[in-house]
Every structure is written in C-alpha cells, then in structure tokens.
Amino acid sequence: MKHVLIIGATGTLGSEAREALLTGTDDQLTLFSRTAGRIQILEPEREKAISGSVLDDAALDQALQGQDAVFAALSGDLRAFADKIVKAMDRNGVKRLVFISSMGIYNEIPASLGGGNLDTNPVLRPYREAADVIENSDLNYTVVRPGWFTGGPVDYEITRKGQPFGGHDVSVSSIADLVKKLLDNDQLYSRDSIGINTPR
C-alpha cells in the first residue's frame, strides 16, 4: 500500500487514474483540486480531498504530508506548476513523480503521422518547459507524453525519449493503466520521458 497524491484530481486523467487506483490497488489517495469540495468520496477509508492551488506553497505542503508518490495531470501554466511541485516535493522529502505532458515536445512525431511538433506548434512550449523543469530535478520522475485522448479499452504501446512517436491517439483508460503501474513500481521508467499511444 502506498499513499498517493493526485494533483488535478477532478480532471479527465485525474479522475480516471483515481478509479484505476481504487479498483486495482489498496493505495490511500489524497485528491488535490481547486474544486475539491465537489468531489464525491467513493471510499471514505481510502480517500480524502484537499482544496487548493498548485501555486500555494502551504496548500501543497499540507497535501504532501505522508505521501509516497505524486501524480500530476494539469492544464494552464505548466512550467510554473512543475516548478512549484518539484520544490514542494523536495521540501517534503517525496521523490516519486508521474507528470503528464504531451506528445511532440521533443519533435518526435514523424511526418507520417502528420507532424504537430514543438517546432511548428507553439502551444506545446509550456509542456516542454514543464518537462525540462522536471528532468532537471533530483526527483524519481516519469514524464508521460500521451497522444490525443480517446475512449476505448486499455491497449497501448510505449516509446522512449529519442524514439519516434508511435501514433496520434490513446485511450484515457490506457493512460490511467500506465499511471497505476508507474505509481506501483518506483523503478518503472525511472527518470525517463515516455510516449504512450494506441498501437497502429
């Protein structure tokens, strides 16, 4: 059993990862969100919700107490969020971080998939900057770079940093399954950045 902090717990990936962890592990979950008051606790003996902003050091410090790992799935000022999370984890002695970024941040999408890389898509700049912050930290991190979110069953393949991305789409359930495995095994893709897509 681990204590896991989910930052962005009310978002699409945060909610799906929460469900995967509740059904597939015995982990204790802390659900951190700006709107945590709207979270319906499903298993009171295993879950608690904390309202707060990632940019609030005191709220992050409170949420990180007693945690073994952090899963962050956020949108917005990702570089600032990554910086705050890394520093808060260092302050609180929490090492394992799984952080959602995006495909294309290393210009790894081949032309055969239609491109959409950082060089031609400035929307990806905050995702790359956040990944750089995390990769320059001393944390035991895994940066996850998913394709476009779809529905569907768990079915995915992994590419490593430096390899061409494998496909444009991936189901939300596949991302949640990978996140569960990464949180369960601290050495799985440790200090690595991995792409996840549906096999073509």
Protein backbone atom coordinates (compact mmCIF):
# COMPACT_ATOMS: atom_id res chain seq x y z
CA MET A 1 0.00 0.00 0.00
CA LYS A 2 1.18 3.49 -0.89
CA HIS A 3 -0.04 6.96 -0.15
CA VAL A 4 -0.59 8.74 -3.47
CA LEU A 5 -1.35 12.42 -4.06
CA ILE A 6 -3.35 13.12 -7.23
CA ILE A 7 -2.92 16.76 -8.32
CA GLY A 8 -5.68 17.69 -10.73
CA ALA A 9 -7.96 15.04 -9.29
CA THR A 10 -11.15 16.38 -10.90
CA GLY A 11 -9.79 16.45 -14.45
CA THR A 12 -10.22 13.76 -17.08
CA LEU A 13 -6.96 11.95 -16.34
CA GLY A 14 -7.01 12.59 -12.61
CA SER A 15 -10.48 11.07 -12.34
CA GLU A 16 -9.59 8.06 -14.48
CA ALA A 17 -6.35 7.42 -12.59
CA ARG A 18 -8.23 7.68 -9.31
CA GLU A 19 -10.66 4.99 -10.45
CA ALA A 20 -7.81 2.74 -11.67
CA LEU A 21 -6.00 3.07 -8.34
CA LEU A 22 -9.15 2.41 -6.31
CA THR A 23 -10.01 -0.73 -8.26
CA GLY A 24 -6.51 -2.05 -8.91
CA THR A 25 -4.56 -1.26 -5.72
CA ASP A 26 -5.00 -0.80 -1.99
CA ASP A 27 -3.40 2.66 -2.12
CA GLN A 28 -4.55 5.55 0.06
CA LEU A 29 -5.43 8.56 -2.11
CA THR A 30 -5.32 12.28 -1.46
CA LEU A 31 -7.31 14.18 -4.07
CA PHE A 32 -6.00 17.72 -4.59
CA SER A 33 -8.01 20.18 -6.65
CA ARG A 34 -9.15 23.79 -6.70
CA THR A 35 -12.69 22.39 -6.60
CA ALA A 36 -12.19 19.52 -4.15
CA GLY A 37 -15.46 20.42 -2.42
CA ARG A 38 -17.28 18.98 -5.43
CA ILE A 39 -15.52 15.62 -5.20
CA GLN A 40 -17.73 12.74 -4.15
CA ILE A 41 -15.64 10.47 -1.94
CA LEU A 42 -16.14 6.90 -3.14
CA GLU A 43 -14.20 5.04 -0.44
CA PRO A 44 -14.01 7.11 2.77
CA GLU A 45 -11.49 4.77 4.38
CA ARG A 46 -9.08 5.24 1.46
CA GLU A 47 -9.68 8.76 0.15
CA LYS A 48 -9.56 12.33 1.31
CA ALA A 49 -9.95 15.57 -0.66
CA ILE A 50 -7.99 18.78 -0.20
CA SER A 51 -8.85 22.09 -1.88
CA GLY A 52 -6.00 24.26 -3.01
CA SER A 53 -3.96 25.79 -5.78
CA VAL A 54 -0.71 24.29 -7.05
CA LEU A 55 0.75 27.79 -6.76
CA ASP A 56 0.02 27.88 -2.99
CA ASP A 57 3.10 26.51 -1.18
CA ALA A 58 1.27 25.98 2.11
CA ALA A 59 -1.54 24.00 0.45
CA LEU A 60 0.95 21.83 -1.42
CA ASP A 61 2.97 21.22 1.73
CA GLN A 62 -0.19 20.14 3.56
CA ALA A 63 -1.18 17.79 0.73
CA LEU A 64 2.28 16.22 0.55
CA GLN A 65 2.41 15.19 4.20
CA GLY A 66 2.93 11.44 4.43
CA GLN A 67 2.80 10.82 0.68
CA ASP A 68 4.88 8.23 -1.17
CA ALA A 69 4.17 9.38 -4.73
CA VAL A 70 2.55 12.17 -6.72
CA PHE A 71 0.56 12.03 -9.94
CA ALA A 72 0.03 15.40 -11.65
CA ALA A 73 -2.33 15.95 -14.60
CA LEU A 74 -2.79 19.67 -15.10
CA SER A 75 -3.53 22.35 -17.67
CA GLY A 76 -2.60 26.01 -17.58
CA ASP A 77 0.77 27.49 -16.60
CA LEU A 78 2.55 24.15 -16.66
CA ARG A 79 6.05 25.48 -16.20
CA ALA A 80 5.06 27.33 -13.03
CA PHE A 81 3.10 24.31 -11.81
CA ALA A 82 6.04 21.97 -12.40
CA ASP A 83 8.40 24.33 -10.59
CA LYS A 84 6.08 24.55 -7.57
CA ILE A 85 5.56 20.77 -7.44
CA VAL A 86 9.28 19.95 -7.70
CA LYS A 87 10.20 22.42 -4.95
CA ALA A 88 7.37 21.26 -2.68
CA MET A 89 8.33 17.62 -3.14
CA ASP A 90 11.94 18.46 -2.29
CA ARG A 91 10.83 20.32 0.84
CA ASN A 92 8.73 17.39 1.97
CA GLY A 93 11.05 14.54 1.03
CA VAL A 94 8.71 12.96 -1.54
CA LYS A 95 10.62 11.56 -4.53
CA ARG A 96 8.28 9.75 -6.94
CA LEU A 97 6.52 11.97 -9.51
CA VAL A 98 4.45 10.94 -12.53
CA PHE A 99 3.69 14.03 -14.63
CA ILE A 100 1.50 14.31 -17.74
CA SER A 101 2.96 16.33 -20.61
CA SER A 102 2.21 15.95 -24.34
CA MET A 103 3.45 14.24 -27.44
CA GLY A 104 5.51 16.43 -29.75
CA ILE A 105 7.58 18.28 -27.14
CA TYR A 106 10.82 16.74 -28.46
CA ASN A 107 9.78 16.97 -32.14
CA GLU A 108 9.35 13.21 -32.01
CA ILE A 109 6.15 12.93 -34.09
CA PRO A 110 7.16 11.60 -37.53
CA ALA A 111 5.87 13.21 -40.72
CA SER A 112 3.96 10.01 -41.47
CA LEU A 113 1.71 10.82 -38.51
CA GLY A 114 1.11 14.35 -39.73
CA GLY A 115 3.58 16.20 -37.53
CA GLY A 116 2.34 18.61 -34.87
CA ASN A 117 5.71 19.02 -33.18
CA LEU A 118 7.02 21.81 -30.98
CA ASP A 119 8.89 23.41 -33.88
CA THR A 120 5.59 24.18 -35.61
CA ASN A 121 3.14 24.21 -32.69
CA PRO A 122 3.88 26.86 -30.02
CA VAL A 123 1.01 25.52 -27.88
CA LEU A 124 3.45 22.78 -26.83
CA ARG A 125 6.01 25.22 -25.39
CA PRO A 126 4.63 25.12 -21.78
CA TYR A 127 4.58 21.31 -21.91
CA ARG A 128 8.25 21.24 -22.94
CA GLU A 129 9.21 23.83 -20.33
CA ALA A 130 7.48 21.82 -17.60
CA ALA A 131 9.24 18.64 -18.75
CA ASP A 132 12.57 20.47 -18.66
CA VAL A 133 11.96 21.59 -15.07
CA ILE A 134 11.18 18.04 -14.01
CA GLU A 135 14.06 16.45 -15.92
CA ASN A 136 16.48 18.90 -14.31
CA SER A 137 15.26 17.97 -10.81
CA ASP A 138 16.61 15.28 -8.50
CA LEU A 139 13.22 13.54 -8.31
CA ASN A 140 12.44 9.98 -9.33
CA TYR A 141 10.21 11.19 -12.15
CA THR A 142 8.44 9.77 -15.16
CA VAL A 143 7.16 12.28 -17.72
CA VAL A 144 4.28 10.75 -19.68
CA ARG A 145 3.61 12.08 -23.20
CA PRO A 146 0.20 10.85 -24.39
CA GLY A 147 -1.36 11.15 -27.80
CA TRP A 148 -4.81 12.64 -28.25
CA PHE A 149 -7.28 11.31 -25.69
CA THR A 150 -9.93 8.89 -26.91
CA GLY A 151 -12.36 6.43 -25.39
CA GLY A 152 -11.93 2.71 -25.66
CA PRO A 153 -10.24 -0.17 -23.87
CA VAL A 154 -6.76 -0.47 -22.39
CA ASP A 155 -4.44 -1.01 -25.38
CA TYR A 156 -1.18 0.87 -25.70
CA GLU A 157 2.48 0.90 -26.59
CA ILE A 158 5.35 2.89 -25.10
CA THR A 159 8.09 4.86 -26.84
CA ARG A 160 11.14 6.21 -25.07
CA LYS A 161 12.67 9.66 -25.33
CA GLY A 162 14.61 9.83 -28.58
CA GLN A 163 12.34 7.35 -30.37
CA PRO A 164 9.72 8.36 -32.97
CA PHE A 165 6.22 8.61 -31.55
CA GLY A 166 4.07 5.61 -32.44
CA GLY A 167 0.60 7.01 -33.11
CA HIS A 168 -1.63 10.04 -32.59
CA ASP A 169 -4.32 8.55 -30.30
CA VAL A 170 -4.53 6.80 -26.94
CA SER A 171 -7.46 5.91 -24.70
CA VAL A 172 -7.83 7.62 -21.34
CA SER A 173 -8.14 4.17 -19.76
CA SER A 174 -4.74 3.23 -21.23
CA ILE A 175 -3.10 6.30 -19.70
CA ALA A 176 -4.67 5.50 -16.33
CA ASP A 177 -3.43 1.91 -16.52
CA LEU A 178 0.11 3.10 -17.22
CA VAL A 179 -0.07 5.65 -14.38
CA LYS A 180 -1.18 2.91 -11.97
CA LYS A 181 1.81 0.77 -12.97
CA LEU A 182 4.23 3.69 -12.66
CA LEU A 183 2.97 4.54 -9.18
CA ASP A 184 3.12 0.89 -8.13
CA ASN A 185 6.71 0.42 -9.33
CA ASP A 186 9.08 3.25 -8.46
CA GLN A 187 11.73 1.91 -10.84
CA LEU A 188 9.49 1.57 -13.90
CA TYR A 189 10.71 4.18 -16.42
CA SER A 190 12.50 5.97 -13.59
CA ARG A 191 13.93 9.35 -14.63
CA ASP A 192 12.57 8.84 -18.13
CA SER A 193 10.16 10.50 -20.52
CA ILE A 194 7.83 8.12 -22.31
CA GLY A 195 5.26 8.39 -25.06
CA ILE A 196 2.05 6.38 -24.95
CA ASN A 197 -0.20 5.67 -27.93
CA THR A 198 -2.61 3.11 -29.29
CA PRO A 199 -0.73 0.58 -31.45
CA ARG A 200 -1.37 1.10 -35.16
